[in-house]
Amino acid sequence: STKGPGGEHMFQLSTMRFATVSEFRGRVMVGIREYYDAGGELKPGKKGISLTLEQWTSLKEQMDEIDEAVKELS
């Protein structure tokens, strides 16, 4: 991971899409967001989602089922 402009941990998924782990109002959040180049600096765009730790845990617990659904449709 790398550190983002706001101190968040950033994990690159594609050219301008990142998974992030950050803190917002005292809560840890996991996000997936598109970023844009603002004069050489990465800035978060409007397209994305932020999950609470509870939502992130729920998503991880369902990952095997999600993978199976993806395989069915691929």
PDB file of N, CA and C in Angstrom:
ATOM      1  N   SER A   1       0.843  -1.192   0.000  1.00  0.00           N
ATOM      2  CA  SER A   1       0.000   0.000   0.000  1.00  0.00           C
ATOM      3  C   SER A   1       0.880   1.244   0.000  1.00  0.00           C
ATOM      4  N   THR A   2       0.263   2.334  -0.371  1.00  0.00           N
ATOM      5  CA  THR A   2       0.930   3.636  -0.308  1.00  0.00           C
ATOM      6  C   THR A   2       0.071   4.559   0.554  1.00  0.00           C
ATOM      7  N   LYS A   3       0.658   5.654   0.982  1.00  0.00           N
ATOM      8  CA  LYS A   3      -0.097   6.648   1.750  1.00  0.00           C
ATOM      9  C   LYS A   3      -0.683   7.669   0.791  1.00  0.00           C
ATOM     10  N   GLY A   4      -1.958   7.951   0.966  1.00  0.00           N
ATOM     11  CA  GLY A   4      -2.638   8.927   0.132  1.00  0.00           C
ATOM     12  C   GLY A   4      -2.472  10.337   0.662  1.00  0.00           C
ATOM     13  N   PRO A   5      -3.038  11.310  -0.061  1.00  0.00           N
ATOM     14  CA  PRO A   5      -2.892  12.715   0.321  1.00  0.00           C
ATOM     15  C   PRO A   5      -3.495  13.037   1.689  1.00  0.00           C
ATOM     16  N   GLY A   6      -4.474  12.244   2.134  1.00  0.00           N
ATOM     17  CA  GLY A   6      -5.086  12.477   3.433  1.00  0.00           C
ATOM     18  C   GLY A   6      -4.577  11.535   4.510  1.00  0.00           C
ATOM     19  N   GLY A   7      -3.491  10.804   4.221  1.00  0.00           N
ATOM     20  CA  GLY A   7      -2.929   9.871   5.179  1.00  0.00           C
ATOM     21  C   GLY A   7      -3.541   8.483   5.130  1.00  0.00           C
ATOM     22  N   GLU A   8      -4.497   8.283   4.225  1.00  0.00           N
ATOM     23  CA  GLU A   8      -5.140   6.974   4.109  1.00  0.00           C
ATOM     24  C   GLU A   8      -4.208   5.967   3.434  1.00  0.00           C
ATOM     25  N   HIS A   9      -4.435   4.697   3.703  1.00  0.00           N
ATOM     26  CA  HIS A   9      -3.704   3.626   3.024  1.00  0.00           C
ATOM     27  C   HIS A   9      -4.412   3.372   1.697  1.00  0.00           C
ATOM     28  N   MET A  10      -3.646   3.360   0.600  1.00  0.00           N
ATOM     29  CA  MET A  10      -4.230   3.204  -0.734  1.00  0.00           C
ATOM     30  C   MET A  10      -3.681   1.951  -1.396  1.00  0.00           C
ATOM     31  N   PHE A  11      -4.595   1.179  -1.995  1.00  0.00           N
ATOM     32  CA  PHE A  11      -4.255  -0.050  -2.698  1.00  0.00           C
ATOM     33  C   PHE A  11      -4.789   0.093  -4.120  1.00  0.00           C
ATOM     34  N   GLN A  12      -3.888   0.134  -5.104  1.00  0.00           N
ATOM     35  CA  GLN A  12      -4.297   0.385  -6.483  1.00  0.00           C
ATOM     36  C   GLN A  12      -4.977  -0.836  -7.085  1.00  0.00           C
ATOM     37  N   LEU A  13      -6.188  -0.631  -7.636  1.00  0.00           N
ATOM     38  CA  LEU A  13      -6.955  -1.688  -8.283  1.00  0.00           C
ATOM     39  C   LEU A  13      -6.841  -1.609  -9.799  1.00  0.00           C
ATOM     40  N   SER A  14      -6.791  -0.398 -10.327  1.00  0.00           N
ATOM     41  CA  SER A  14      -6.573  -0.154 -11.754  1.00  0.00           C
ATOM     42  C   SER A  14      -5.960   1.236 -11.861  1.00  0.00           C
ATOM     43  N   THR A  15      -5.868   1.768 -13.065  1.00  0.00           N
ATOM     44  CA  THR A  15      -5.141   3.016 -13.276  1.00  0.00           C
ATOM     45  C   THR A  15      -5.532   4.114 -12.289  1.00  0.00           C
ATOM     46  N   MET A  16      -6.824   4.395 -12.149  1.00  0.00           N
ATOM     47  CA  MET A  16      -7.264   5.487 -11.278  1.00  0.00           C
ATOM     48  C   MET A  16      -8.313   5.034 -10.261  1.00  0.00           C
ATOM     49  N   ARG A  17      -8.342   3.750  -9.961  1.00  0.00           N
ATOM     50  CA  ARG A  17      -9.294   3.213  -8.976  1.00  0.00           C
ATOM     51  C   ARG A  17      -8.506   2.571  -7.841  1.00  0.00           C
ATOM     52  N   PHE A  18      -8.889   2.911  -6.613  1.00  0.00           N
ATOM     53  CA  PHE A  18      -8.151   2.458  -5.439  1.00  0.00           C
ATOM     54  C   PHE A  18      -9.097   1.955  -4.352  1.00  0.00           C
ATOM     55  N   ALA A  19      -8.634   0.966  -3.597  1.00  0.00           N
ATOM     56  CA  ALA A  19      -9.252   0.609  -2.324  1.00  0.00           C
ATOM     57  C   ALA A  19      -8.482   1.395  -1.269  1.00  0.00           C
ATOM     58  N   THR A  20      -9.193   1.918  -0.290  1.00  0.00           N
ATOM     59  CA  THR A  20      -8.547   2.727   0.737  1.00  0.00           C
ATOM     60  C   THR A  20      -8.992   2.299   2.131  1.00  0.00           C
ATOM     61  N   VAL A  21      -8.123   2.521   3.082  1.00  0.00           N
ATOM     62  CA  VAL A  21      -8.461   2.359   4.496  1.00  0.00           C
ATOM     63  C   VAL A  21      -8.129   3.693   5.146  1.00  0.00           C
ATOM     64  N   SER A  22      -9.150   4.301   5.747  1.00  0.00           N
ATOM     65  CA  SER A  22      -8.967   5.636   6.312  1.00  0.00           C
ATOM     66  C   SER A  22      -9.797   5.780   7.579  1.00  0.00           C
ATOM     67  N   GLU A  23      -9.636   6.922   8.211  1.00  0.00           N
ATOM     68  CA  GLU A  23     -10.415   7.238   9.401  1.00  0.00           C
ATOM     69  C   GLU A  23     -11.274   8.454   9.096  1.00  0.00           C
ATOM     70  N   PHE A  24     -12.553   8.386   9.452  1.00  0.00           N
ATOM     71  CA  PHE A  24     -13.479   9.492   9.226  1.00  0.00           C
ATOM     72  C   PHE A  24     -14.334   9.650  10.475  1.00  0.00           C
ATOM     73  N   ARG A  25     -14.243  10.803  11.096  1.00  0.00           N
ATOM     74  CA  ARG A  25     -14.998  11.085  12.324  1.00  0.00           C
ATOM     75  C   ARG A  25     -14.795  10.002  13.382  1.00  0.00           C
ATOM     76  N   GLY A  26     -13.548   9.559  13.515  1.00  0.00           N
ATOM     77  CA  GLY A  26     -13.201   8.584  14.535  1.00  0.00           C
ATOM     78  C   GLY A  26     -13.527   7.145  14.194  1.00  0.00           C
ATOM     79  N   ARG A  27     -13.997   6.891  12.973  1.00  0.00           N
ATOM     80  CA  ARG A  27     -14.346   5.531  12.559  1.00  0.00           C
ATOM     81  C   ARG A  27     -13.445   5.094  11.407  1.00  0.00           C
ATOM     82  N   VAL A  28     -13.015   3.843  11.450  1.00  0.00           N
ATOM     83  CA  VAL A  28     -12.229   3.286  10.348  1.00  0.00           C
ATOM     84  C   VAL A  28     -13.186   2.946   9.214  1.00  0.00           C
ATOM     85  N   MET A  29     -12.830   3.358   8.003  1.00  0.00           N
ATOM     86  CA  MET A  29     -13.656   3.127   6.821  1.00  0.00           C
ATOM     87  C   MET A  29     -12.823   2.429   5.750  1.00  0.00           C
ATOM     88  N   VAL A  30     -13.472   1.539   4.994  1.00  0.00           N
ATOM     89  CA  VAL A  30     -12.852   0.885   3.846  1.00  0.00           C
ATOM     90  C   VAL A  30     -13.596   1.385   2.617  1.00  0.00           C
ATOM     91  N   GLY A  31     -12.858   1.917   1.663  1.00  0.00           N
ATOM     92  CA  GLY A  31     -13.496   2.503   0.493  1.00  0.00           C
ATOM     93  C   GLY A  31     -12.955   1.954  -0.804  1.00  0.00           C
ATOM     94  N   ILE A  32     -13.777   2.067  -1.837  1.00  0.00           N
ATOM     95  CA  ILE A  32     -13.354   1.827  -3.215  1.00  0.00           C
ATOM     96  C   ILE A  32     -13.802   3.061  -3.979  1.00  0.00           C
ATOM     97  N   ARG A  33     -12.847   3.732  -4.612  1.00  0.00           N
ATOM     98  CA  ARG A  33     -13.160   5.020  -5.208  1.00  0.00           C
ATOM     99  C   ARG A  33     -12.299   5.284  -6.435  1.00  0.00           C
ATOM    100  N   GLU A  34     -12.881   6.040  -7.373  1.00  0.00           N
ATOM    101  CA  GLU A  34     -12.114   6.543  -8.510  1.00  0.00           C
ATOM    102  C   GLU A  34     -11.432   7.835  -8.077  1.00  0.00           C
ATOM    103  N   TYR A  35     -10.221   8.021  -8.541  1.00  0.00           N
ATOM    104  CA  TYR A  35      -9.457   9.234  -8.259  1.00  0.00           C
ATOM    105  C   TYR A  35      -9.196   9.956  -9.571  1.00  0.00           C
ATOM    106  N   TYR A  36      -8.840  11.230  -9.493  1.00  0.00           N
ATOM    107  CA  TYR A  36      -8.471  11.993 -10.680  1.00  0.00           C
ATOM    108  C   TYR A  36      -7.182  12.747 -10.397  1.00  0.00           C
ATOM    109  N   ASP A  37      -6.520  13.131 -11.467  1.00  0.00           N
ATOM    110  CA  ASP A  37      -5.249  13.847 -11.376  1.00  0.00           C
ATOM    111  C   ASP A  37      -5.537  15.344 -11.347  1.00  0.00           C
ATOM    112  N   ALA A  38      -5.208  15.983 -10.246  1.00  0.00           N
ATOM    113  CA  ALA A  38      -5.395  17.429 -10.101  1.00  0.00           C
ATOM    114  C   ALA A  38      -4.020  18.084 -10.070  1.00  0.00           C
ATOM    115  N   GLY A  39      -3.465  18.309 -11.249  1.00  0.00           N
ATOM    116  CA  GLY A  39      -2.158  18.949 -11.334  1.00  0.00           C
ATOM    117  C   GLY A  39      -1.046  18.131 -10.716  1.00  0.00           C
ATOM    118  N   GLY A  40      -1.064  16.820 -10.948  1.00  0.00           N
ATOM    119  CA  GLY A  40      -0.024  15.941 -10.436  1.00  0.00           C
ATOM    120  C   GLY A  40      -0.324  15.344  -9.071  1.00  0.00           C
ATOM    121  N   GLU A  41      -1.457  15.709  -8.484  1.00  0.00           N
ATOM    122  CA  GLU A  41      -1.850  15.170  -7.177  1.00  0.00           C
ATOM    123  C   GLU A  41      -3.142  14.374  -7.333  1.00  0.00           C
ATOM    124  N   LEU A  42      -3.178  13.174  -6.744  1.00  0.00           N
ATOM    125  CA  LEU A  42      -4.391  12.357  -6.792  1.00  0.00           C
ATOM    126  C   LEU A  42      -5.435  12.914  -5.837  1.00  0.00           C
ATOM    127  N   LYS A  43      -6.651  13.073  -6.347  1.00  0.00           N
ATOM    128  CA  LYS A  43      -7.771  13.543  -5.535  1.00  0.00           C
ATOM    129  C   LYS A  43      -8.924  12.558  -5.678  1.00  0.00           C
ATOM    130  N   PRO A  44      -9.671  12.300  -4.579  1.00  0.00           N
ATOM    131  CA  PRO A  44     -10.804  11.381  -4.672  1.00  0.00           C
ATOM    132  C   PRO A  44     -11.942  11.989  -5.480  1.00  0.00           C
ATOM    133  N   GLY A  45     -12.522  11.174  -6.357  1.00  0.00           N
ATOM    134  CA  GLY A  45     -13.664  11.610  -7.146  1.00  0.00           C
ATOM    135  C   GLY A  45     -14.971  11.303  -6.436  1.00  0.00           C
ATOM    136  N   LYS A  46     -16.080  11.597  -7.115  1.00  0.00           N
ATOM    137  CA  LYS A  46     -17.406  11.378  -6.533  1.00  0.00           C
ATOM    138  C   LYS A  46     -17.841   9.926  -6.619  1.00  0.00           C
ATOM    139  N   LYS A  47     -17.299   9.182  -7.589  1.00  0.00           N
ATOM    140  CA  LYS A  47     -17.714   7.791  -7.779  1.00  0.00           C
ATOM    141  C   LYS A  47     -16.983   6.888  -6.802  1.00  0.00           C
ATOM    142  N   GLY A  48     -17.735   6.289  -5.895  1.00  0.00           N
ATOM    143  CA  GLY A  48     -17.126   5.383  -4.946  1.00  0.00           C
ATOM    144  C   GLY A  48     -18.071   5.042  -3.816  1.00  0.00           C
ATOM    145  N   ILE A  49     -17.589   4.204  -2.939  1.00  0.00           N
ATOM    146  CA  ILE A  49     -18.368   3.774  -1.784  1.00  0.00           C
ATOM    147  C   ILE A  49     -17.431   3.628  -0.595  1.00  0.00           C
ATOM    148  N   SER A  50     -17.949   3.959   0.579  1.00  0.00           N
ATOM    149  CA  SER A  50     -17.205   3.772   1.826  1.00  0.00           C
ATOM    150  C   SER A  50     -18.003   2.833   2.713  1.00  0.00           C
ATOM    151  N   LEU A  51     -17.323   1.850   3.275  1.00  0.00           N
ATOM    152  CA  LEU A  51     -17.961   0.869   4.142  1.00  0.00           C
ATOM    153  C   LEU A  51     -17.451   1.016   5.565  1.00  0.00           C
ATOM    154  N   THR A  52     -18.362   0.868   6.529  1.00  0.00           N
ATOM    155  CA  THR A  52     -17.948   0.813   7.926  1.00  0.00           C
ATOM    156  C   THR A  52     -17.252  -0.522   8.153  1.00  0.00           C
ATOM    157  N   LEU A  53     -16.597  -0.672   9.291  1.00  0.00           N
ATOM    158  CA  LEU A  53     -15.954  -1.954   9.595  1.00  0.00           C
ATOM    159  C   LEU A  53     -16.973  -3.084   9.638  1.00  0.00           C
ATOM    160  N   GLU A  54     -18.177  -2.803  10.138  1.00  0.00           N
ATOM    161  CA  GLU A  54     -19.220  -3.826  10.190  1.00  0.00           C
ATOM    162  C   GLU A  54     -19.611  -4.270   8.781  1.00  0.00           C
ATOM    163  N   GLN A  55     -19.783  -3.306   7.876  1.00  0.00           N
ATOM    164  CA  GLN A  55     -20.137  -3.626   6.490  1.00  0.00           C
ATOM    165  C   GLN A  55     -18.993  -4.360   5.800  1.00  0.00           C
ATOM    166  N   TRP A  56     -17.761  -3.936   6.057  1.00  0.00           N
ATOM    167  CA  TRP A  56     -16.589  -4.593   5.475  1.00  0.00           C
ATOM    168  C   TRP A  56     -16.510  -6.041   5.934  1.00  0.00           C
ATOM    169  N   THR A  57     -16.736  -6.274   7.222  1.00  0.00           N
ATOM    170  CA  THR A  57     -16.713  -7.630   7.766  1.00  0.00           C
ATOM    171  C   THR A  57     -17.799  -8.483   7.127  1.00  0.00           C
ATOM    172  N   SER A  58     -18.985  -7.924   6.959  1.00  0.00           N
ATOM    173  CA  SER A  58     -20.087  -8.646   6.323  1.00  0.00           C
ATOM    174  C   SER A  58     -19.739  -9.011   4.881  1.00  0.00           C
ATOM    175  N   LEU A  59     -19.142  -8.075   4.153  1.00  0.00           N
ATOM    176  CA  LEU A  59     -18.735  -8.347   2.772  1.00  0.00           C
ATOM    177  C   LEU A  59     -17.712  -9.469   2.722  1.00  0.00           C
ATOM    178  N   LYS A  60     -16.713  -9.418   3.600  1.00  0.00           N
ATOM    179  CA  LYS A  60     -15.684 -10.464   3.620  1.00  0.00           C
ATOM    180  C   LYS A  60     -16.284 -11.825   3.944  1.00  0.00           C
ATOM    181  N   GLU A  61     -17.239 -11.864   4.867  1.00  0.00           N
ATOM    182  CA  GLU A  61     -17.871 -13.128   5.247  1.00  0.00           C
ATOM    183  C   GLU A  61     -18.659 -13.749   4.095  1.00  0.00           C
ATOM    184  N   GLN A  62     -19.114 -12.919   3.165  1.00  0.00           N
ATOM    185  CA  GLN A  62     -19.899 -13.405   2.032  1.00  0.00           C
ATOM    186  C   GLN A  62     -19.067 -13.588   0.758  1.00  0.00           C
ATOM    187  N   MET A  63     -17.763 -13.394   0.849  1.00  0.00           N
ATOM    188  CA  MET A  63     -16.906 -13.398  -0.336  1.00  0.00           C
ATOM    189  C   MET A  63     -16.948 -14.710  -1.104  1.00  0.00           C
ATOM    190  N   ASP A  64     -16.984 -15.861  -0.424  1.00  0.00           N
ATOM    191  CA  ASP A  64     -17.052 -17.140  -1.135  1.00  0.00           C
ATOM    192  C   ASP A  64     -18.314 -17.225  -1.982  1.00  0.00           C
ATOM    193  N   GLU A  65     -19.449 -16.790  -1.428  1.00  0.00           N
ATOM    194  CA  GLU A  65     -20.706 -16.813  -2.172  1.00  0.00           C
ATOM    195  C   GLU A  65     -20.675 -15.824  -3.334  1.00  0.00           C
ATOM    196  N   ILE A  66     -20.071 -14.671  -3.113  1.00  0.00           N
ATOM    197  CA  ILE A  66     -19.948 -13.681  -4.182  1.00  0.00           C
ATOM    198  C   ILE A  66     -19.078 -14.237  -5.299  1.00  0.00           C
ATOM    199  N   ASP A  67     -17.957 -14.876  -4.946  1.00  0.00           N
ATOM    200  CA  ASP A  67     -17.081 -15.494  -5.951  1.00  0.00           C
ATOM    201  C   ASP A  67     -17.834 -16.537  -6.762  1.00  0.00           C
ATOM    202  N   GLU A  68     -18.647 -17.348  -6.106  1.00  0.00           N
ATOM    203  CA  GLU A  68     -19.431 -18.370  -6.810  1.00  0.00           C
ATOM    204  C   GLU A  68     -20.413 -17.724  -7.782  1.00  0.00           C
ATOM    205  N   ALA A  69     -21.076 -16.653  -7.364  1.00  0.00           N
ATOM    206  CA  ALA A  69     -22.015 -15.950  -8.241  1.00  0.00           C
ATOM    207  C   ALA A  69     -21.294 -15.365  -9.449  1.00  0.00           C
ATOM    208  N   VAL A  70     -20.093 -14.832  -9.238  1.00  0.00           N
ATOM    209  CA  VAL A  70     -19.303 -14.289 -10.351  1.00  0.00           C
ATOM    210  C   VAL A  70     -18.947 -15.406 -11.327  1.00  0.00           C
ATOM    211  N   LYS A  71     -18.534 -16.565 -10.810  1.00  0.00           N
ATOM    212  CA  LYS A  71     -18.188 -17.703 -11.668  1.00  0.00           C
ATOM    213  C   LYS A  71     -19.384 -18.153 -12.487  1.00  0.00           C
ATOM    214  N   GLU A  72     -20.571 -18.172 -11.878  1.00  0.00           N
ATOM    215  CA  GLU A  72     -21.786 -18.573 -12.591  1.00  0.00           C
ATOM    216  C   GLU A  72     -22.072 -17.659 -13.770  1.00  0.00           C
ATOM    217  N   LEU A  73     -21.799 -16.378 -13.611  1.00  0.00           N
ATOM    218  CA  LEU A  73     -22.132 -15.401 -14.645  1.00  0.00           C
ATOM    219  C   LEU A  73     -20.991 -15.117 -15.613  1.00  0.00           C
ATOM    220  N   SER A  74     -19.822 -15.687 -15.368  1.00  0.00           N
ATOM    221  CA  SER A  74     -18.669 -15.435 -16.254  1.00  0.00           C
ATOM    222  C   SER A  74     -18.587 -16.485 -17.333  1.00  0.00           C
TER     223      SER A  74
END
